[in-house]
PDB file of N, CA and C in Angstrom:
ATOM      1  N   UNK A   1      19.370  30.034 -42.699  1.00  0.00           N
ATOM      2  CA  UNK A   1      20.429  29.998 -43.695  1.00  0.00           C
ATOM      3  C   UNK A   1      21.790  30.268 -43.061  1.00  0.00           C
ATOM      4  N   UNK A   2      21.828  31.024 -41.976  1.00  0.00           N
ATOM      5  CA  UNK A   2      23.101  31.299 -41.306  1.00  0.00           C
ATOM      6  C   UNK A   2      23.744  30.009 -40.811  1.00  0.00           C
ATOM      7  N   UNK A   3      22.928  29.110 -40.287  1.00  0.00           N
ATOM      8  CA  UNK A   3      23.445  27.822 -39.831  1.00  0.00           C
ATOM      9  C   UNK A   3      24.021  27.030 -40.993  1.00  0.00           C
ATOM     10  N   UNK A   4      23.337  27.050 -42.125  1.00  0.00           N
ATOM     11  CA  UNK A   4      23.837  26.354 -43.313  1.00  0.00           C
ATOM     12  C   UNK A   4      25.178  26.922 -43.735  1.00  0.00           C
ATOM     13  N   UNK A   5      25.291  28.239 -43.766  1.00  0.00           N
ATOM     14  CA  UNK A   5      26.551  28.876 -44.166  1.00  0.00           C
ATOM     15  C   UNK A   5      27.694  28.500 -43.222  1.00  0.00           C
ATOM     16  N   UNK A   6      27.438  28.601 -41.938  1.00  0.00           N
ATOM     17  CA  UNK A   6      28.482  28.316 -40.955  1.00  0.00           C
ATOM     18  C   UNK A   6      28.914  26.852 -40.990  1.00  0.00           C
ATOM     19  N   UNK A   7      27.940  25.948 -40.961  1.00  0.00           N
ATOM     20  CA  UNK A   7      28.279  24.522 -40.937  1.00  0.00           C
ATOM     21  C   UNK A   7      28.911  24.062 -42.253  1.00  0.00           C
ATOM     22  N   UNK A   8      28.448  24.583 -43.380  1.00  0.00           N
ATOM     23  CA  UNK A   8      29.047  24.220 -44.660  1.00  0.00           C
ATOM     24  C   UNK A   8      30.477  24.755 -44.759  1.00  0.00           C
ATOM     25  N   UNK A   9      30.708  25.977 -44.269  1.00  0.00           N
ATOM     26  CA  UNK A   9      32.075  26.525 -44.255  1.00  0.00           C
ATOM     27  C   UNK A   9      32.977  25.650 -43.384  1.00  0.00           C
ATOM     28  N   UNK A  10      32.493  25.281 -42.207  1.00  0.00           N
ATOM     29  CA  UNK A  10      33.279  24.426 -41.323  1.00  0.00           C
ATOM     30  C   UNK A  10      33.529  23.057 -41.942  1.00  0.00           C
ATOM     31  N   UNK A  11      32.558  22.526 -42.662  1.00  0.00           N
ATOM     32  CA  UNK A  11      32.752  21.246 -43.348  1.00  0.00           C
ATOM     33  C   UNK A  11      33.881  21.357 -44.369  1.00  0.00           C
ATOM     34  N   UNK A  12      33.882  22.433 -45.137  1.00  0.00           N
ATOM     35  CA  UNK A  12      34.954  22.633 -46.110  1.00  0.00           C
ATOM     36  C   UNK A  12      36.298  22.838 -45.446  1.00  0.00           C
ATOM     37  N   UNK A  13      36.305  23.620 -44.374  1.00  0.00           N
ATOM     38  CA  UNK A  13      37.554  23.909 -43.667  1.00  0.00           C
ATOM     39  C   UNK A  13      38.122  22.639 -43.042  1.00  0.00           C
ATOM     40  N   UNK A  14      37.277  21.894 -42.333  1.00  0.00           N
ATOM     41  CA  UNK A  14      37.750  20.673 -41.689  1.00  0.00           C
ATOM     42  C   UNK A  14      38.129  19.600 -42.713  1.00  0.00           C
ATOM     43  N   UNK A  15      37.342  19.473 -43.774  1.00  0.00           N
ATOM     44  CA  UNK A  15      37.675  18.494 -44.809  1.00  0.00           C
ATOM     45  C   UNK A  15      38.965  18.854 -45.530  1.00  0.00           C
ATOM     46  N   UNK A  16      39.106  20.132 -45.869  1.00  0.00           N
ATOM     47  CA  UNK A  16      40.329  20.589 -46.526  1.00  0.00           C
ATOM     48  C   UNK A  16      41.535  20.496 -45.620  1.00  0.00           C
ATOM     49  N   UNK A  17      41.331  20.604 -44.333  1.00  0.00           N
ATOM     50  CA  UNK A  17      42.421  20.478 -43.372  1.00  0.00           C
ATOM     51  C   UNK A  17      42.761  19.010 -43.126  1.00  0.00           C
ATOM     52  N   UNK A  18      41.767  18.162 -43.075  1.00  0.00           N
ATOM     53  CA  UNK A  18      42.003  16.752 -42.781  1.00  0.00           C
ATOM     54  C   UNK A  18      42.613  15.968 -43.919  1.00  0.00           C
ATOM     55  N   UNK A  19      42.289  16.322 -45.142  1.00  0.00           N
ATOM     56  CA  UNK A  19      42.769  15.556 -46.289  1.00  0.00           C
ATOM     57  C   UNK A  19      44.300  15.504 -46.390  1.00  0.00           C
ATOM     58  N   UNK A  20      45.018  16.630 -46.291  1.00  0.00           N
ATOM     59  CA  UNK A  20      46.482  16.534 -46.383  1.00  0.00           C
ATOM     60  C   UNK A  20      47.103  15.717 -45.246  1.00  0.00           C
ATOM     61  N   UNK A  21      46.548  15.831 -44.044  1.00  0.00           N
ATOM     62  CA  UNK A  21      47.061  15.024 -42.937  1.00  0.00           C
ATOM     63  C   UNK A  21      46.864  13.540 -43.237  1.00  0.00           C
ATOM     64  N   UNK A  22      45.663  13.184 -43.676  1.00  0.00           N
ATOM     65  CA  UNK A  22      45.355  11.781 -43.942  1.00  0.00           C
ATOM     66  C   UNK A  22      46.220  11.227 -45.072  1.00  0.00           C
ATOM     67  N   UNK A  23      46.349  11.980 -46.150  1.00  0.00           N
ATOM     68  CA  UNK A  23      47.146  11.518 -47.293  1.00  0.00           C
ATOM     69  C   UNK A  23      48.619  11.415 -46.913  1.00  0.00           C
ATOM     70  N   UNK A  24      49.139  12.433 -46.216  1.00  0.00           N
ATOM     71  CA  UNK A  24      50.550  12.391 -45.810  1.00  0.00           C
ATOM     72  C   UNK A  24      50.805  11.179 -44.917  1.00  0.00           C
ATOM     73  N   UNK A  25      49.959  10.969 -43.938  1.00  0.00           N
ATOM     74  CA  UNK A  25      50.143   9.824 -43.047  1.00  0.00           C
ATOM     75  C   UNK A  25      49.991   8.499 -43.766  1.00  0.00           C
ATOM     76  N   UNK A  26      49.047   8.413 -44.684  1.00  0.00           N
ATOM     77  CA  UNK A  26      48.818   7.170 -45.428  1.00  0.00           C
ATOM     78  C   UNK A  26      49.994   6.809 -46.324  1.00  0.00           C
ATOM     79  N   UNK A  27      50.772   7.804 -46.718  1.00  0.00           N
ATOM     80  CA  UNK A  27      51.940   7.548 -47.557  1.00  0.00           C
ATOM     81  C   UNK A  27      53.215   7.428 -46.728  1.00  0.00           C
ATOM     82  N   UNK A  28      53.069   7.419 -45.388  1.00  0.00           N
ATOM     83  CA  UNK A  28      54.209   7.224 -44.516  1.00  0.00           C
ATOM     84  C   UNK A  28      54.926   8.496 -44.100  1.00  0.00           C
ATOM     85  N   UNK A  29      54.403   9.642 -44.482  1.00  0.00           N
ATOM     86  CA  UNK A  29      55.037  10.911 -44.131  1.00  0.00           C
ATOM     87  C   UNK A  29      54.574  11.325 -42.737  1.00  0.00           C
ATOM     88  N   UNK A  30      55.508  11.494 -41.831  1.00  0.00           N
ATOM     89  CA  UNK A  30      55.169  11.853 -40.466  1.00  0.00           C
ATOM     90  C   UNK A  30      55.281  13.327 -40.161  1.00  0.00           C
ATOM     91  N   UNK A  31      55.806  14.115 -41.108  1.00  0.00           N
ATOM     92  CA  UNK A  31      55.952  15.551 -40.851  1.00  0.00           C
ATOM     93  C   UNK A  31      54.589  16.222 -40.902  1.00  0.00           C
ATOM     94  N   UNK A  32      54.347  17.137 -39.973  1.00  0.00           N
ATOM     95  CA  UNK A  32      53.104  17.898 -39.998  1.00  0.00           C
ATOM     96  C   UNK A  32      53.290  19.191 -39.227  1.00  0.00           C
ATOM     97  N   UNK A  33      52.475  20.202 -39.531  1.00  0.00           N
ATOM     98  CA  UNK A  33      52.580  21.466 -38.816  1.00  0.00           C
ATOM     99  C   UNK A  33      51.682  21.526 -37.588  1.00  0.00           C
ATOM    100  N   UNK A  34      51.121  20.428 -37.189  1.00  0.00           N
ATOM    101  CA  UNK A  34      50.191  20.423 -36.069  1.00  0.00           C
ATOM    102  C   UNK A  34      50.901  20.399 -34.725  1.00  0.00           C
ATOM    103  N   UNK A  35      50.143  20.560 -33.675  1.00  0.00           N
ATOM    104  CA  UNK A  35      50.730  20.578 -32.338  1.00  0.00           C
ATOM    105  C   UNK A  35      51.049  19.188 -31.792  1.00  0.00           C
ATOM    106  N   UNK A  36      50.751  18.148 -32.547  1.00  0.00           N
ATOM    107  CA  UNK A  36      50.961  16.783 -32.083  1.00  0.00           C
ATOM    108  C   UNK A  36      52.316  16.258 -32.550  1.00  0.00           C
ATOM    109  N   UNK A  37      52.687  15.103 -32.068  1.00  0.00           N
ATOM    110  CA  UNK A  37      53.969  14.501 -32.430  1.00  0.00           C
ATOM    111  C   UNK A  37      54.034  14.198 -33.924  1.00  0.00           C
ATOM    112  N   UNK A  38      55.250  14.247 -34.457  1.00  0.00           N
ATOM    113  CA  UNK A  38      55.444  13.908 -35.865  1.00  0.00           C
ATOM    114  C   UNK A  38      55.484  12.397 -36.026  1.00  0.00           C
ATOM    115  N   UNK A  39      54.440  11.841 -36.628  1.00  0.00           N
ATOM    116  CA  UNK A  39      54.427  10.421 -36.969  1.00  0.00           C
ATOM    117  C   UNK A  39      53.327  10.202 -37.998  1.00  0.00           C
ATOM    118  N   UNK A  40      53.538   9.197 -38.832  1.00  0.00           N
ATOM    119  CA  UNK A  40      52.558   8.901 -39.876  1.00  0.00           C
ATOM    120  C   UNK A  40      51.220   8.488 -39.255  1.00  0.00           C
ATOM    121  N   UNK A  41      51.262   7.711 -38.181  1.00  0.00           N
ATOM    122  CA  UNK A  41      50.020   7.271 -37.538  1.00  0.00           C
ATOM    123  C   UNK A  41      49.246   8.456 -36.961  1.00  0.00           C
ATOM    124  N   UNK A  42      49.946   9.412 -36.375  1.00  0.00           N
ATOM    125  CA  UNK A  42      49.276  10.604 -35.843  1.00  0.00           C
ATOM    126  C   UNK A  42      48.647  11.392 -36.984  1.00  0.00           C
ATOM    127  N   UNK A  43      49.338  11.490 -38.119  1.00  0.00           N
ATOM    128  CA  UNK A  43      48.762  12.178 -39.277  1.00  0.00           C
ATOM    129  C   UNK A  43      47.493  11.498 -39.756  1.00  0.00           C
ATOM    130  N   UNK A  44      47.502  10.172 -39.852  1.00  0.00           N
ATOM    131  CA  UNK A  44      46.310   9.443 -40.301  1.00  0.00           C
ATOM    132  C   UNK A  44      45.159   9.668 -39.326  1.00  0.00           C
ATOM    133  N   UNK A  45      45.432   9.540 -38.037  1.00  0.00           N
ATOM    134  CA  UNK A  45      44.388   9.710 -37.037  1.00  0.00           C
ATOM    135  C   UNK A  45      43.846  11.143 -37.040  1.00  0.00           C
ATOM    136  N   UNK A  46      44.722  12.121 -37.111  1.00  0.00           N
ATOM    137  CA  UNK A  46      44.288  13.525 -37.150  1.00  0.00           C
ATOM    138  C   UNK A  46      43.429  13.787 -38.384  1.00  0.00           C
ATOM    139  N   UNK A  47      43.888  13.321 -39.532  1.00  0.00           N
ATOM    140  CA  UNK A  47      43.129  13.501 -40.766  1.00  0.00           C
ATOM    141  C   UNK A  47      41.778  12.819 -40.719  1.00  0.00           C
ATOM    142  N   UNK A  48      41.749  11.612 -40.184  1.00  0.00           N
ATOM    143  CA  UNK A  48      40.499  10.866 -40.091  1.00  0.00           C
ATOM    144  C   UNK A  48      39.492  11.586 -39.203  1.00  0.00           C
ATOM    145  N   UNK A  49      39.947  12.074 -38.042  1.00  0.00           N
ATOM    146  CA  UNK A  49      39.049  12.799 -37.137  1.00  0.00           C
ATOM    147  C   UNK A  49      38.491  14.042 -37.831  1.00  0.00           C
ATOM    148  N   UNK A  50      39.339  14.756 -38.550  1.00  0.00           N
ATOM    149  CA  UNK A  50      38.877  15.966 -39.247  1.00  0.00           C
ATOM    150  C   UNK A  50      37.896  15.641 -40.372  1.00  0.00           C
ATOM    151  N   UNK A  51      38.140  14.564 -41.089  1.00  0.00           N
ATOM    152  CA  UNK A  51      37.214  14.176 -42.163  1.00  0.00           C
ATOM    153  C   UNK A  51      35.866  13.736 -41.606  1.00  0.00           C
ATOM    154  N   UNK A  52      35.876  13.019 -40.495  1.00  0.00           N
ATOM    155  CA  UNK A  52      34.618  12.630 -39.850  1.00  0.00           C
ATOM    156  C   UNK A  52      33.889  13.880 -39.356  1.00  0.00           C
ATOM    157  N   UNK A  53      34.638  14.809 -38.761  1.00  0.00           N
ATOM    158  CA  UNK A  53      34.035  16.077 -38.319  1.00  0.00           C
ATOM    159  C   UNK A  53      33.421  16.831 -39.479  1.00  0.00           C
ATOM    160  N   UNK A  54      34.129  16.868 -40.610  1.00  0.00           N
ATOM    161  CA  UNK A  54      33.609  17.547 -41.796  1.00  0.00           C
ATOM    162  C   UNK A  54      32.302  16.909 -42.262  1.00  0.00           C
ATOM    163  N   UNK A  55      32.248  15.584 -42.246  1.00  0.00           N
ATOM    164  CA  UNK A  55      31.021  14.889 -42.653  1.00  0.00           C
ATOM    165  C   UNK A  55      29.862  15.229 -41.717  1.00  0.00           C
ATOM    166  N   UNK A  56      30.152  15.324 -40.427  1.00  0.00           N
ATOM    167  CA  UNK A  56      29.097  15.686 -39.474  1.00  0.00           C
ATOM    168  C   UNK A  56      28.615  17.121 -39.688  1.00  0.00           C
ATOM    169  N   UNK A  57      29.553  18.036 -39.881  1.00  0.00           N
ATOM    170  CA  UNK A  57      29.161  19.424 -40.170  1.00  0.00           C
ATOM    171  C   UNK A  57      28.280  19.472 -41.421  1.00  0.00           C
ATOM    172  N   UNK A  58      28.699  18.750 -42.459  1.00  0.00           N
ATOM    173  CA  UNK A  58      27.949  18.749 -43.715  1.00  0.00           C
ATOM    174  C   UNK A  58      26.555  18.166 -43.523  1.00  0.00           C
ATOM    175  N   UNK A  59      26.461  17.097 -42.761  1.00  0.00           N
ATOM    176  CA  UNK A  59      25.169  16.459 -42.511  1.00  0.00           C
ATOM    177  C   UNK A  59      24.189  17.437 -41.853  1.00  0.00           C
ATOM    178  N   UNK A  60      24.659  18.165 -40.853  1.00  0.00           N
ATOM    179  CA  UNK A  60      23.787  19.060 -40.107  1.00  0.00           C
ATOM    180  C   UNK A  60      23.619  20.432 -40.759  1.00  0.00           C
ATOM    181  N   UNK A  61      24.322  20.675 -41.864  1.00  0.00           N
ATOM    182  CA  UNK A  61      24.193  21.965 -42.563  1.00  0.00           C
ATOM    183  C   UNK A  61      22.885  22.061 -43.357  1.00  0.00           C
ATOM    184  N   UNK A  62      22.254  20.960 -43.654  1.00  0.00           N
ATOM    185  CA  UNK A  62      20.999  20.932 -44.427  1.00  0.00           C
ATOM    186  C   UNK A  62      21.138  21.725 -45.733  1.00  0.00           C
ATOM    187  N   UNK A  63      22.147  21.365 -46.488  1.00  0.00           N
ATOM    188  CA  UNK A  63      22.451  22.070 -47.735  1.00  0.00           C
ATOM    189  C   UNK A  63      21.325  21.996 -48.766  1.00  0.00           C
ATOM    190  N   UNK A  64      20.536  20.920 -48.860  1.00  0.00           N
ATOM    191  CA  UNK A  64      19.455  20.917 -49.850  1.00  0.00           C
ATOM    192  C   UNK A  64      18.460  22.071 -49.693  1.00  0.00           C
ATOM    193  N   UNK A  65      18.354  22.627 -48.501  1.00  0.00           N
ATOM    194  CA  UNK A  65      17.458  23.767 -48.305  1.00  0.00           C
ATOM    195  C   UNK A  65      18.001  25.044 -48.940  1.00  0.00           C
ATOM    196  N   UNK A  66      19.330  25.183 -48.945  1.00  0.00           N
ATOM    197  CA  UNK A  66      20.000  26.370 -49.506  1.00  0.00           C
ATOM    198  C   UNK A  66      21.232  25.901 -50.284  1.00  0.00           C
ATOM    199  N   UNK A  67      21.028  25.260 -51.441  1.00  0.00           N
ATOM    200  CA  UNK A  67      22.163  24.634 -52.123  1.00  0.00           C
ATOM    201  C   UNK A  67      23.246  25.601 -52.580  1.00  0.00           C
ATOM    202  N   UNK A  68      22.898  26.717 -53.146  1.00  0.00           N
ATOM    203  CA  UNK A  68      23.922  27.645 -53.632  1.00  0.00           C
ATOM    204  C   UNK A  68      24.750  28.191 -52.475  1.00  0.00           C
ATOM    205  N   UNK A  69      24.086  28.608 -51.418  1.00  0.00           N
ATOM    206  CA  UNK A  69      24.798  29.135 -50.254  1.00  0.00           C
ATOM    207  C   UNK A  69      25.663  28.049 -49.612  1.00  0.00           C
ATOM    208  N   UNK A  70      25.132  26.849 -49.481  1.00  0.00           N
ATOM    209  CA  UNK A  70      25.870  25.757 -48.847  1.00  0.00           C
ATOM    210  C   UNK A  70      27.110  25.351 -49.616  1.00  0.00           C
ATOM    211  N   UNK A  71      26.953  25.141 -50.916  1.00  0.00           N
ATOM    212  CA  UNK A  71      28.112  24.733 -51.732  1.00  0.00           C
ATOM    213  C   UNK A  71      29.137  25.852 -51.834  1.00  0.00           C
ATOM    214  N   UNK A  72      28.670  27.095 -51.871  1.00  0.00           N
ATOM    215  CA  UNK A  72      29.607  28.232 -51.915  1.00  0.00           C
ATOM    216  C   UNK A  72      30.396  28.337 -50.614  1.00  0.00           C
ATOM    217  N   UNK A  73      29.726  28.167 -49.488  1.00  0.00           N
ATOM    218  CA  UNK A  73      30.410  28.216 -48.193  1.00  0.00           C
ATOM    219  C   UNK A  73      31.404  27.066 -48.069  1.00  0.00           C
ATOM    220  N   UNK A  74      31.040  25.881 -48.541  1.00  0.00           N
ATOM    221  CA  UNK A  74      31.954  24.742 -48.540  1.00  0.00           C
ATOM    222  C   UNK A  74      33.218  25.081 -49.334  1.00  0.00           C
ATOM    223  N   UNK A  75      33.031  25.623 -50.532  1.00  0.00           N
ATOM    224  CA  UNK A  75      34.172  25.970 -51.387  1.00  0.00           C
ATOM    225  C   UNK A  75      35.054  27.027 -50.724  1.00  0.00           C
ATOM    226  N   UNK A  76      34.445  28.003 -50.065  1.00  0.00           N
ATOM    227  CA  UNK A  76      35.229  29.029 -49.376  1.00  0.00           C
ATOM    228  C   UNK A  76      35.994  28.452 -48.193  1.00  0.00           C
ATOM    229  N   UNK A  77      35.418  27.488 -47.495  1.00  0.00           N
ATOM    230  CA  UNK A  77      36.132  26.835 -46.398  1.00  0.00           C
ATOM    231  C   UNK A  77      37.355  26.080 -46.881  1.00  0.00           C
ATOM    232  N   UNK A  78      37.209  25.356 -47.992  1.00  0.00           N
ATOM    233  CA  UNK A  78      38.343  24.632 -48.567  1.00  0.00           C
ATOM    234  C   UNK A  78      39.414  25.621 -49.035  1.00  0.00           C
ATOM    235  N   UNK A  79      38.986  26.699 -49.666  1.00  0.00           N
ATOM    236  CA  UNK A  79      39.936  27.714 -50.129  1.00  0.00           C
ATOM    237  C   UNK A  79      40.684  28.337 -48.956  1.00  0.00           C
ATOM    238  N   UNK A  80      39.965  28.679 -47.900  1.00  0.00           N
ATOM    239  CA  UNK A  80      40.588  29.315 -46.736  1.00  0.00           C
ATOM    240  C   UNK A  80      41.669  28.429 -46.124  1.00  0.00           C
ATOM    241  N   UNK A  81      41.345  27.162 -45.894  1.00  0.00           N
ATOM    242  CA  UNK A  81      42.345  26.288 -45.277  1.00  0.00           C
ATOM    243  C   UNK A  81      43.471  25.968 -46.252  1.00  0.00           C
ATOM    244  N   UNK A  82      43.181  25.936 -47.534  1.00  0.00           N
ATOM    245  CA  UNK A  82      44.238  25.728 -48.527  1.00  0.00           C
ATOM    246  C   UNK A  82      45.240  26.865 -48.524  1.00  0.00           C
ATOM    247  N   UNK A  83      44.751  28.086 -48.399  1.00  0.00           N
ATOM    248  CA  UNK A  83      45.656  29.233 -48.334  1.00  0.00           C
ATOM    249  C   UNK A  83      46.485  29.213 -47.041  1.00  0.00           C
ATOM    250  N   UNK A  84      45.874  28.797 -45.959  1.00  0.00           N
ATOM    251  CA  UNK A  84      46.620  28.670 -44.699  1.00  0.00           C
ATOM    252  C   UNK A  84      47.697  27.598 -44.839  1.00  0.00           C
ATOM    253  N   UNK A  85      47.348  26.462 -45.416  1.00  0.00           N
ATOM    254  CA  UNK A  85      48.334  25.386 -45.598  1.00  0.00           C
ATOM    255  C   UNK A  85      49.465  25.808 -46.523  1.00  0.00           C
ATOM    256  N   UNK A  86      49.165  26.614 -47.512  1.00  0.00           N
ATOM    257  CA  UNK A  86      50.210  27.024 -48.453  1.00  0.00           C
ATOM    258  C   UNK A  86      51.312  27.811 -47.752  1.00  0.00           C
ATOM    259  N   UNK A  87      50.998  28.395 -46.611  1.00  0.00           N
ATOM    260  CA  UNK A  87      51.991  29.166 -45.860  1.00  0.00           C
ATOM    261  C   UNK A  87      52.604  28.401 -44.696  1.00  0.00           C
ATOM    262  N   UNK A  88      51.924  27.359 -44.201  1.00  0.00           N
ATOM    263  CA  UNK A  88      52.393  26.734 -42.959  1.00  0.00           C
ATOM    264  C   UNK A  88      52.700  25.253 -43.039  1.00  0.00           C
ATOM    265  N   UNK A  89      52.361  24.561 -44.094  1.00  0.00           N
ATOM    266  CA  UNK A  89      52.430  23.097 -44.070  1.00  0.00           C
ATOM    267  C   UNK A  89      53.839  22.568 -43.795  1.00  0.00           C
ATOM    268  N   UNK A  90      54.867  23.139 -44.360  1.00  0.00           N
ATOM    269  CA  UNK A  90      56.221  22.630 -44.139  1.00  0.00           C
ATOM    270  C   UNK A  90      57.033  23.507 -43.188  1.00  0.00           C
ATOM    271  N   UNK A  91      56.379  24.460 -42.540  1.00  0.00           N
ATOM    272  CA  UNK A  91      57.030  25.328 -41.569  1.00  0.00           C
ATOM    273  C   UNK A  91      56.372  25.061 -40.222  1.00  0.00           C
ATOM    274  N   UNK A  92      57.147  25.076 -39.158  1.00  0.00           N
ATOM    275  CA  UNK A  92      56.610  24.782 -37.838  1.00  0.00           C
ATOM    276  C   UNK A  92      56.028  26.048 -37.207  1.00  0.00           C
ATOM    277  N   UNK A  93      54.698  26.175 -37.131  1.00  0.00           N
ATOM    278  CA  UNK A  93      54.107  27.367 -36.533  1.00  0.00           C
ATOM    279  C   UNK A  93      54.004  27.299 -35.011  1.00  0.00           C
ATOM    280  N   UNK A  94      54.420  26.192 -34.421  1.00  0.00           N
ATOM    281  CA  UNK A  94      54.295  26.006 -32.976  1.00  0.00           C
ATOM    282  C   UNK A  94      55.662  26.209 -32.339  1.00  0.00           C
ATOM    283  N   UNK A  95      55.856  27.287 -31.578  1.00  0.00           N
ATOM    284  CA  UNK A  95      57.175  27.604 -31.036  1.00  0.00           C
ATOM    285  C   UNK A  95      57.713  26.569 -30.045  1.00  0.00           C
ATOM    286  N   UNK A  96      56.851  25.800 -29.380  1.00  0.00           N
ATOM    287  CA  UNK A  96      57.317  24.832 -28.402  1.00  0.00           C
ATOM    288  C   UNK A  96      57.764  23.526 -29.057  1.00  0.00           C
ATOM    289  N   UNK A  97      57.490  23.355 -30.346  1.00  0.00           N
ATOM    290  CA  UNK A  97      57.920  22.149 -31.058  1.00  0.00           C
ATOM    291  C   UNK A  97      59.147  22.468 -31.877  1.00  0.00           C
ATOM    292  N   UNK A  98      60.237  21.891 -31.551  1.00  0.00           N
ATOM    293  CA  UNK A  98      61.484  22.128 -32.312  1.00  0.00           C
ATOM    294  C   UNK A  98      61.889  20.890 -33.053  1.00  0.00           C
TER     295      UNK A  98
END
C-alpha cells in the first residue's frame, strides 16, 4: 500500500503541476515559474512531459487494489501542488532568471 500511496501522490502532483503549464502554453502564454526559458512551446512541452509522467505514476500505483488510499493520495498531490502554484506561478522563484 505504501507504493500505491507514493505513486498516486506523485501522479496527482505531476498532473496538477503539468496542467497549468500545458494550458498556459496552449493559449500562447509563455510566462512560467520554471527554470526553463519563457515560451509557449516550452510550456506545452513541459506540461506534456508532466502529464505523461503522471499517467505513468498512476498506471504503476495499482489503485484498484487500494482505491480509497490511492484516490486520497492523488487528491492530496493535486492540492499540494495547487498550494505551491498559488504562491509561485506569477513570481520568479529562480534567482538566476531575471
